[in-house]
């Protein structure tokens, strides 16, 4: 059973449907499994691949901000490492 939602196939983050502990499995529909490298709170974003500093973070198929630092696959993506730029 999956515990991460993928909103758009082009997204580089998914949304946790339950708390995922560090070392736990982030399971997506379709069978992709990623090991959480940090605790991921329910409804927060998890990186589906490595995201480099300055790279766009994609959710809903849209840029929602930019990585403030390198974010590893399985990392928690939130305000501490996401620069939201409004245009």
N, C-alpha and C. Protein backbone atom coordinates (compact mmCIF):
# COMPACT_ATOMS: atom_id res chain seq x y z
N UNK A 1 0.85 -1.19 0.00
CA UNK A 1 0.00 0.00 0.00
C UNK A 1 0.89 1.24 0.00
N UNK A 2 0.52 2.24 -0.78
CA UNK A 2 1.35 3.44 -0.84
C UNK A 2 1.04 4.39 0.31
N UNK A 3 2.08 5.15 0.70
CA UNK A 3 1.93 6.15 1.77
C UNK A 3 2.42 7.52 1.31
N UNK A 4 2.66 7.65 0.01
CA UNK A 4 3.06 8.92 -0.60
C UNK A 4 2.23 9.12 -1.86
N UNK A 5 1.69 10.31 -2.02
CA UNK A 5 0.92 10.64 -3.23
C UNK A 5 1.83 11.38 -4.20
N UNK A 6 1.72 11.02 -5.46
CA UNK A 6 2.39 11.73 -6.54
C UNK A 6 1.30 12.48 -7.29
N UNK A 7 1.33 13.80 -7.23
CA UNK A 7 0.25 14.59 -7.80
C UNK A 7 0.38 14.69 -9.31
N UNK A 8 1.59 14.88 -9.81
CA UNK A 8 1.83 15.00 -11.25
C UNK A 8 3.06 14.16 -11.58
N UNK A 9 3.04 13.40 -12.66
CA UNK A 9 4.19 12.55 -12.99
C UNK A 9 5.51 13.30 -13.15
N UNK A 10 5.48 14.59 -13.43
CA UNK A 10 6.70 15.38 -13.58
C UNK A 10 7.23 15.96 -12.29
N UNK A 11 6.52 15.75 -11.18
CA UNK A 11 6.94 16.31 -9.89
C UNK A 11 8.22 15.64 -9.38
N UNK A 12 9.04 16.41 -8.66
CA UNK A 12 10.22 15.81 -8.02
C UNK A 12 10.02 15.67 -6.51
N UNK A 13 8.80 15.93 -6.04
CA UNK A 13 8.41 15.68 -4.65
C UNK A 13 7.07 14.97 -4.63
N UNK A 14 6.87 14.17 -3.59
CA UNK A 14 5.58 13.56 -3.33
C UNK A 14 5.08 14.06 -1.99
N UNK A 15 3.84 13.73 -1.66
CA UNK A 15 3.23 14.18 -0.40
C UNK A 15 2.98 12.96 0.49
N UNK A 16 3.53 13.00 1.70
CA UNK A 16 3.36 11.91 2.65
C UNK A 16 1.91 11.84 3.11
N UNK A 17 1.33 10.66 3.05
CA UNK A 17 -0.05 10.45 3.49
C UNK A 17 -0.12 9.99 4.94
N UNK A 18 1.04 9.75 5.52
CA UNK A 18 1.19 9.37 6.93
C UNK A 18 2.60 9.76 7.34
N UNK A 19 2.84 9.84 8.64
CA UNK A 19 4.21 10.08 9.10
C UNK A 19 5.11 8.95 8.59
N UNK A 20 6.28 9.32 8.09
CA UNK A 20 7.26 8.33 7.64
C UNK A 20 8.53 8.56 8.46
N UNK A 21 8.93 7.61 9.28
CA UNK A 21 10.11 7.81 10.11
C UNK A 21 11.40 7.70 9.28
N UNK A 22 12.45 8.34 9.78
CA UNK A 22 13.77 8.20 9.16
C UNK A 22 14.09 6.71 9.03
N UNK A 23 14.52 6.31 7.84
CA UNK A 23 14.81 4.91 7.59
C UNK A 23 13.61 4.11 7.12
N UNK A 24 12.42 4.71 7.21
CA UNK A 24 11.20 4.03 6.77
C UNK A 24 11.03 4.12 5.26
N UNK A 25 10.06 3.39 4.76
CA UNK A 25 9.80 3.36 3.33
C UNK A 25 8.76 4.39 2.94
N UNK A 26 9.09 5.18 1.92
CA UNK A 26 8.13 6.06 1.26
C UNK A 26 7.71 5.30 0.01
N UNK A 27 6.47 4.82 0.00
CA UNK A 27 5.97 3.97 -1.08
C UNK A 27 4.99 4.74 -1.95
N UNK A 28 5.28 4.77 -3.26
CA UNK A 28 4.44 5.49 -4.20
C UNK A 28 3.61 4.51 -5.03
N UNK A 29 2.48 4.99 -5.56
CA UNK A 29 1.72 4.15 -6.48
C UNK A 29 2.64 3.74 -7.63
N UNK A 30 2.48 2.54 -8.10
CA UNK A 30 3.33 2.05 -9.17
C UNK A 30 4.53 1.28 -8.68
N UNK A 31 4.72 1.23 -7.34
CA UNK A 31 5.75 0.39 -6.78
C UNK A 31 7.07 1.05 -6.43
N UNK A 32 7.28 2.33 -6.76
CA UNK A 32 8.53 2.99 -6.39
C UNK A 32 8.61 3.08 -4.87
N UNK A 33 9.76 2.69 -4.32
CA UNK A 33 10.00 2.76 -2.87
C UNK A 33 11.29 3.55 -2.64
N UNK A 34 11.20 4.54 -1.77
CA UNK A 34 12.34 5.40 -1.42
C UNK A 34 12.52 5.33 0.09
N UNK A 35 13.76 5.23 0.53
CA UNK A 35 14.04 5.24 1.97
C UNK A 35 14.09 6.69 2.45
N UNK A 36 13.32 7.00 3.49
CA UNK A 36 13.32 8.35 4.06
C UNK A 36 14.64 8.57 4.80
N UNK A 37 15.33 9.65 4.48
CA UNK A 37 16.59 9.96 5.15
C UNK A 37 16.39 10.90 6.33
N UNK A 38 15.16 11.36 6.51
CA UNK A 38 14.76 12.19 7.65
C UNK A 38 13.33 11.78 7.99
N UNK A 39 12.86 12.16 9.16
CA UNK A 39 11.45 11.99 9.47
C UNK A 39 10.66 12.88 8.52
N UNK A 40 9.61 12.33 7.92
CA UNK A 40 8.74 13.09 7.02
C UNK A 40 7.36 13.15 7.68
N UNK A 41 6.94 14.34 8.14
CA UNK A 41 5.61 14.44 8.75
C UNK A 41 4.49 14.24 7.72
N UNK A 42 3.38 13.72 8.18
CA UNK A 42 2.20 13.56 7.33
C UNK A 42 1.86 14.89 6.66
N UNK A 43 1.54 14.84 5.39
CA UNK A 43 1.14 15.96 4.53
C UNK A 43 2.30 16.84 4.08
N UNK A 44 3.51 16.47 4.46
CA UNK A 44 4.70 17.22 4.02
C UNK A 44 5.30 16.55 2.80
N UNK A 45 6.23 17.26 2.17
CA UNK A 45 6.83 16.79 0.93
C UNK A 45 8.09 15.96 1.19
N UNK A 46 8.27 14.95 0.32
CA UNK A 46 9.47 14.11 0.34
C UNK A 46 10.10 14.18 -1.05
N UNK A 47 11.41 14.34 -1.10
CA UNK A 47 12.12 14.40 -2.37
C UNK A 47 12.13 13.02 -3.01
N UNK A 48 11.71 12.95 -4.26
CA UNK A 48 11.67 11.69 -4.98
C UNK A 48 12.98 11.38 -5.68
N UNK A 49 13.84 12.37 -5.75
CA UNK A 49 15.19 12.21 -6.31
C UNK A 49 16.05 13.28 -5.68
N UNK A 50 17.35 13.22 -5.90
CA UNK A 50 18.22 14.29 -5.42
C UNK A 50 17.82 15.60 -6.11
N UNK A 51 17.73 16.66 -5.31
CA UNK A 51 17.41 17.99 -5.83
C UNK A 51 18.57 18.89 -5.45
N UNK A 52 19.22 19.49 -6.44
CA UNK A 52 20.39 20.33 -6.20
C UNK A 52 19.99 21.72 -5.72
N UNK A 53 20.87 22.34 -4.95
CA UNK A 53 20.65 23.71 -4.49
C UNK A 53 20.36 24.61 -5.69
N UNK A 54 19.31 25.41 -5.58
CA UNK A 54 18.92 26.32 -6.65
C UNK A 54 17.98 25.72 -7.68
N UNK A 55 17.81 24.42 -7.63
CA UNK A 55 16.95 23.73 -8.60
C UNK A 55 15.48 23.92 -8.23
N UNK A 56 14.59 24.03 -9.24
CA UNK A 56 13.17 24.15 -8.94
C UNK A 56 12.63 22.90 -8.25
N UNK A 57 11.72 23.13 -7.31
CA UNK A 57 10.97 22.06 -6.68
C UNK A 57 9.62 22.04 -7.37
N UNK A 58 9.25 20.86 -7.88
CA UNK A 58 8.04 20.74 -8.68
C UNK A 58 6.98 19.94 -7.94
N UNK A 59 5.80 20.58 -7.81
CA UNK A 59 4.62 19.94 -7.22
C UNK A 59 3.44 20.45 -8.04
N UNK A 60 2.45 19.63 -8.27
CA UNK A 60 1.31 19.97 -9.13
C UNK A 60 1.75 20.19 -10.57
N UNK A 61 2.96 19.73 -10.94
CA UNK A 61 3.49 19.98 -12.27
C UNK A 61 4.00 21.39 -12.44
N UNK A 62 4.15 22.12 -11.34
CA UNK A 62 4.55 23.53 -11.36
C UNK A 62 5.71 23.77 -10.40
N UNK A 63 6.50 24.80 -10.67
CA UNK A 63 7.53 25.22 -9.72
C UNK A 63 6.85 25.84 -8.51
N UNK A 64 7.15 25.31 -7.33
CA UNK A 64 6.59 25.90 -6.11
C UNK A 64 7.66 26.65 -5.33
N UNK A 65 8.90 26.55 -5.77
CA UNK A 65 10.02 27.21 -5.11
C UNK A 65 11.32 26.61 -5.59
N UNK A 66 12.39 26.93 -4.88
CA UNK A 66 13.72 26.48 -5.26
C UNK A 66 14.43 25.93 -4.03
N UNK A 67 15.21 24.91 -4.23
CA UNK A 67 15.95 24.30 -3.12
C UNK A 67 16.99 25.28 -2.60
N UNK A 68 17.00 25.53 -1.30
CA UNK A 68 18.00 26.40 -0.66
C UNK A 68 19.34 25.70 -0.49
N UNK A 69 19.29 24.38 -0.52
CA UNK A 69 20.48 23.54 -0.31
C UNK A 69 20.24 22.25 -1.07
N UNK A 70 21.26 21.43 -1.20
CA UNK A 70 21.07 20.11 -1.81
C UNK A 70 20.12 19.31 -0.92
N UNK A 71 19.13 18.69 -1.55
CA UNK A 71 18.15 17.87 -0.83
C UNK A 71 18.28 16.45 -1.37
N UNK A 72 18.63 15.51 -0.51
CA UNK A 72 18.81 14.14 -1.00
C UNK A 72 17.48 13.44 -1.27
N UNK A 73 17.54 12.44 -2.11
CA UNK A 73 16.38 11.58 -2.35
C UNK A 73 15.93 11.03 -0.99
N UNK A 74 14.65 11.15 -0.70
CA UNK A 74 14.13 10.69 0.59
C UNK A 74 14.17 11.75 1.66
N UNK A 75 14.61 12.98 1.32
CA UNK A 75 14.69 14.07 2.28
C UNK A 75 13.36 14.79 2.44
N UNK A 76 13.22 15.43 3.58
CA UNK A 76 12.05 16.25 3.90
C UNK A 76 12.20 17.58 3.19
N UNK A 77 11.19 18.00 2.45
CA UNK A 77 11.20 19.28 1.74
C UNK A 77 10.16 20.18 2.42
N UNK A 78 10.63 21.28 3.00
CA UNK A 78 9.74 22.19 3.72
C UNK A 78 10.40 23.56 3.78
N UNK A 79 9.88 24.45 4.59
CA UNK A 79 10.35 25.84 4.63
C UNK A 79 11.82 25.99 5.04
N UNK A 80 12.38 25.00 5.71
CA UNK A 80 13.78 25.08 6.14
C UNK A 80 14.74 24.91 4.97
N UNK A 81 14.30 24.32 3.87
CA UNK A 81 15.18 24.10 2.72
C UNK A 81 14.54 24.45 1.39
N UNK A 82 13.43 25.16 1.44
CA UNK A 82 12.70 25.56 0.23
C UNK A 82 12.51 27.08 0.23
N UNK A 83 12.99 27.71 -0.82
CA UNK A 83 12.85 29.15 -0.99
C UNK A 83 11.66 29.38 -1.92
N UNK A 84 10.57 29.88 -1.36
CA UNK A 84 9.37 30.14 -2.16
C UNK A 84 9.49 31.55 -2.73
N UNK A 85 9.52 31.61 -4.04
CA UNK A 85 9.65 32.91 -4.73
C UNK A 85 8.36 33.20 -5.46
N UNK A 86 7.77 34.31 -5.11
CA UNK A 86 6.53 34.71 -5.76
C UNK A 86 6.84 35.71 -6.84
N UNK A 87 6.17 35.58 -7.94
CA UNK A 87 6.48 36.45 -9.07
C UNK A 87 5.39 37.33 -9.49
